[in-house]
Every structure is written in structure tokens, then in C-alpha cells.
Amino acid sequence: MFSAIYLVCFMGEPCKTFADPAIYPSHEVCVQEAEGNIMKNMTNIEAQGLPLPDVEYQCLTWDKA
């Protein structure tokens, strides 16, 4: 099981972390969904005329937790 964790940084503001509430069955699915989420959100932000943030993500496994 994998979860996507995002680090979102808008210029001039502190960076924030977000955890995707979805649980993904594989690393590959997590990566696809995370990249899709980023693109969707960037499109929405851009449509509002706002500056785009820098976004990093990581898909983490918690099978062993």
C-alpha cells in the first residue's frame, strides 16, 4: 500500500505538506495518480491567474508499519 505526500511551496510563503487521503495498491499507480493530481491542481491555479507553486511529491509505502 502506498500514499502520496506532497510538499507545496508558493513564493513568499512557508511550504506546506499534504497527504493524499487515497491509498494506492502499487508504487506505479501512486506515481500516476500523484502526477495527475499535480497537473489538475496546476491547471486550476493557472486558470485563476495565480502564480504556480513548486510541488514535490513522494510515494511512500506503509506495508511494514
N, C-alpha and C. Protein backbone atom coordinates (compact mmCIF):
# COMPACT_ATOMS: atom_id res chain seq x y z
N MET A 1 0.84 -1.17 0.00
CA MET A 1 0.00 0.00 0.00
C MET A 1 0.89 1.24 0.00
N PHE A 2 0.46 2.24 -0.77
CA PHE A 2 1.25 3.46 -0.92
C PHE A 2 0.36 4.69 -0.71
N SER A 3 0.96 5.73 -0.19
CA SER A 3 0.32 7.02 -0.05
C SER A 3 1.22 8.08 -0.68
N ALA A 4 0.59 9.12 -1.23
CA ALA A 4 1.35 10.22 -1.82
C ALA A 4 1.38 11.38 -0.81
N ILE A 5 2.58 11.90 -0.59
CA ILE A 5 2.80 13.04 0.28
C ILE A 5 3.36 14.16 -0.60
N TYR A 6 2.80 15.35 -0.46
CA TYR A 6 3.19 16.49 -1.30
C TYR A 6 3.82 17.58 -0.45
N LEU A 7 4.80 18.25 -1.02
CA LEU A 7 5.37 19.47 -0.45
C LEU A 7 5.08 20.57 -1.46
N VAL A 8 4.31 21.57 -1.03
CA VAL A 8 3.86 22.64 -1.92
C VAL A 8 4.42 23.97 -1.41
N CYS A 9 5.13 24.67 -2.28
CA CYS A 9 5.77 25.93 -1.90
C CYS A 9 5.35 27.05 -2.85
N PHE A 10 4.61 28.01 -2.29
CA PHE A 10 4.28 29.23 -3.03
C PHE A 10 5.33 30.26 -2.68
N MET A 11 5.75 31.05 -3.67
CA MET A 11 6.79 32.05 -3.46
C MET A 11 6.34 33.02 -2.36
N GLY A 12 7.22 33.27 -1.42
CA GLY A 12 6.95 34.23 -0.35
C GLY A 12 6.12 33.67 0.79
N GLU A 13 5.80 32.38 0.75
CA GLU A 13 5.02 31.76 1.81
C GLU A 13 5.74 30.51 2.31
N PRO A 14 5.45 30.11 3.54
CA PRO A 14 6.05 28.85 4.02
C PRO A 14 5.53 27.67 3.21
N CYS A 15 6.36 26.68 3.03
CA CYS A 15 5.93 25.46 2.34
C CYS A 15 4.96 24.69 3.23
N LYS A 16 4.07 23.95 2.59
CA LYS A 16 3.09 23.15 3.31
C LYS A 16 3.14 21.72 2.80
N THR A 17 2.84 20.79 3.69
CA THR A 17 2.77 19.39 3.29
C THR A 17 1.32 18.95 3.27
N PHE A 18 1.02 18.06 2.35
CA PHE A 18 -0.31 17.50 2.21
C PHE A 18 -0.18 16.00 1.99
N ALA A 19 -1.05 15.26 2.62
CA ALA A 19 -1.11 13.82 2.41
C ALA A 19 -2.38 13.51 1.63
N ASP A 20 -2.23 12.79 0.54
CA ASP A 20 -3.38 12.35 -0.25
C ASP A 20 -4.14 11.31 0.57
N PRO A 21 -5.45 11.48 0.75
CA PRO A 21 -6.19 10.50 1.54
C PRO A 21 -6.36 9.14 0.85
N ALA A 22 -6.11 9.10 -0.45
CA ALA A 22 -6.25 7.84 -1.19
C ALA A 22 -5.11 6.89 -0.85
N ILE A 23 -5.39 5.61 -0.90
CA ILE A 23 -4.39 4.57 -0.70
C ILE A 23 -4.25 3.82 -2.02
N TYR A 24 -3.02 3.70 -2.50
CA TYR A 24 -2.78 3.11 -3.80
C TYR A 24 -2.17 1.71 -3.65
N PRO A 25 -2.53 0.81 -4.55
CA PRO A 25 -2.07 -0.58 -4.42
C PRO A 25 -0.62 -0.81 -4.83
N SER A 26 -0.06 0.12 -5.60
CA SER A 26 1.33 -0.06 -6.06
C SER A 26 2.01 1.29 -6.20
N HIS A 27 3.34 1.24 -6.25
CA HIS A 27 4.11 2.47 -6.43
C HIS A 27 3.77 3.12 -7.77
N GLU A 28 3.63 2.31 -8.80
CA GLU A 28 3.35 2.83 -10.14
C GLU A 28 2.01 3.58 -10.17
N VAL A 29 0.98 3.03 -9.55
CA VAL A 29 -0.33 3.68 -9.51
C VAL A 29 -0.24 4.97 -8.70
N CYS A 30 0.49 4.95 -7.61
CA CYS A 30 0.67 6.13 -6.78
C CYS A 30 1.33 7.26 -7.58
N VAL A 31 2.38 6.94 -8.30
CA VAL A 31 3.08 7.94 -9.12
C VAL A 31 2.14 8.52 -10.18
N GLN A 32 1.41 7.67 -10.87
CA GLN A 32 0.48 8.15 -11.91
C GLN A 32 -0.57 9.07 -11.31
N GLU A 33 -1.15 8.69 -10.20
CA GLU A 33 -2.19 9.50 -9.57
C GLU A 33 -1.63 10.80 -9.01
N ALA A 34 -0.46 10.75 -8.40
CA ALA A 34 0.16 11.95 -7.85
C ALA A 34 0.46 12.96 -8.96
N GLU A 35 1.04 12.48 -10.06
CA GLU A 35 1.34 13.38 -11.17
C GLU A 35 0.06 13.94 -11.79
N GLY A 36 -0.98 13.13 -11.87
CA GLY A 36 -2.27 13.61 -12.37
C GLY A 36 -2.87 14.66 -11.45
N ASN A 37 -2.77 14.45 -10.14
CA ASN A 37 -3.28 15.43 -9.18
C ASN A 37 -2.54 16.76 -9.30
N ILE A 38 -1.24 16.68 -9.45
CA ILE A 38 -0.44 17.90 -9.59
C ILE A 38 -0.85 18.66 -10.84
N MET A 39 -0.98 17.97 -11.96
CA MET A 39 -1.36 18.63 -13.22
C MET A 39 -2.74 19.26 -13.10
N LYS A 40 -3.70 18.56 -12.50
CA LYS A 40 -5.05 19.09 -12.34
C LYS A 40 -5.04 20.34 -11.48
N ASN A 41 -4.32 20.30 -10.37
CA ASN A 41 -4.26 21.46 -9.49
C ASN A 41 -3.51 22.62 -10.12
N MET A 42 -2.45 22.35 -10.85
CA MET A 42 -1.72 23.42 -11.54
C MET A 42 -2.61 24.10 -12.57
N THR A 43 -3.39 23.32 -13.29
CA THR A 43 -4.32 23.88 -14.28
C THR A 43 -5.33 24.78 -13.60
N ASN A 44 -5.87 24.34 -12.46
CA ASN A 44 -6.85 25.16 -11.72
C ASN A 44 -6.22 26.44 -11.20
N ILE A 45 -5.02 26.36 -10.67
CA ILE A 45 -4.33 27.54 -10.15
C ILE A 45 -4.04 28.51 -11.28
N GLU A 46 -3.55 27.99 -12.39
CA GLU A 46 -3.23 28.84 -13.55
C GLU A 46 -4.49 29.52 -14.09
N ALA A 47 -5.62 28.81 -14.12
CA ALA A 47 -6.88 29.37 -14.61
C ALA A 47 -7.36 30.53 -13.74
N GLN A 48 -6.96 30.52 -12.48
CA GLN A 48 -7.33 31.61 -11.57
C GLN A 48 -6.37 32.79 -11.67
N GLY A 49 -5.35 32.64 -12.50
CA GLY A 49 -4.37 33.72 -12.68
C GLY A 49 -3.40 33.85 -11.52
N LEU A 50 -3.27 32.81 -10.74
CA LEU A 50 -2.38 32.85 -9.59
C LEU A 50 -1.01 32.28 -9.96
N PRO A 51 0.03 32.67 -9.23
CA PRO A 51 1.35 32.11 -9.51
C PRO A 51 1.39 30.63 -9.15
N LEU A 52 2.09 29.87 -9.96
CA LEU A 52 2.19 28.43 -9.74
C LEU A 52 3.20 28.12 -8.64
N PRO A 53 2.87 27.16 -7.79
CA PRO A 53 3.82 26.77 -6.74
C PRO A 53 4.85 25.77 -7.26
N ASP A 54 5.88 25.58 -6.48
CA ASP A 54 6.80 24.46 -6.70
C ASP A 54 6.21 23.29 -5.91
N VAL A 55 6.10 22.14 -6.56
CA VAL A 55 5.50 20.98 -5.92
C VAL A 55 6.42 19.78 -6.08
N GLU A 56 6.67 19.12 -4.98
CA GLU A 56 7.40 17.85 -4.97
C GLU A 56 6.48 16.83 -4.33
N TYR A 57 6.64 15.59 -4.70
CA TYR A 57 5.86 14.54 -4.06
C TYR A 57 6.71 13.31 -3.88
N GLN A 58 6.25 12.46 -3.00
CA GLN A 58 6.90 11.17 -2.81
C GLN A 58 5.81 10.16 -2.49
N CYS A 59 5.91 9.00 -3.08
CA CYS A 59 5.01 7.89 -2.79
C CYS A 59 5.70 7.00 -1.77
N LEU A 60 5.06 6.87 -0.61
CA LEU A 60 5.65 6.12 0.48
C LEU A 60 4.84 4.85 0.75
N THR A 61 5.54 3.79 1.04
CA THR A 61 4.87 2.54 1.40
C THR A 61 4.72 2.46 2.90
N TRP A 62 3.63 1.89 3.32
CA TRP A 62 3.43 1.69 4.75
C TRP A 62 3.02 0.26 5.04
N ASP A 63 3.36 -0.65 4.15
CA ASP A 63 3.09 -2.08 4.36
C ASP A 63 3.74 -2.60 5.63
N LYS A 64 4.89 -2.06 5.95
CA LYS A 64 5.64 -2.58 7.10
C LYS A 64 5.34 -1.83 8.39
N ALA A 65 4.42 -0.88 8.33
CA ALA A 65 4.12 -0.09 9.54
C ALA A 65 3.28 -0.89 10.51
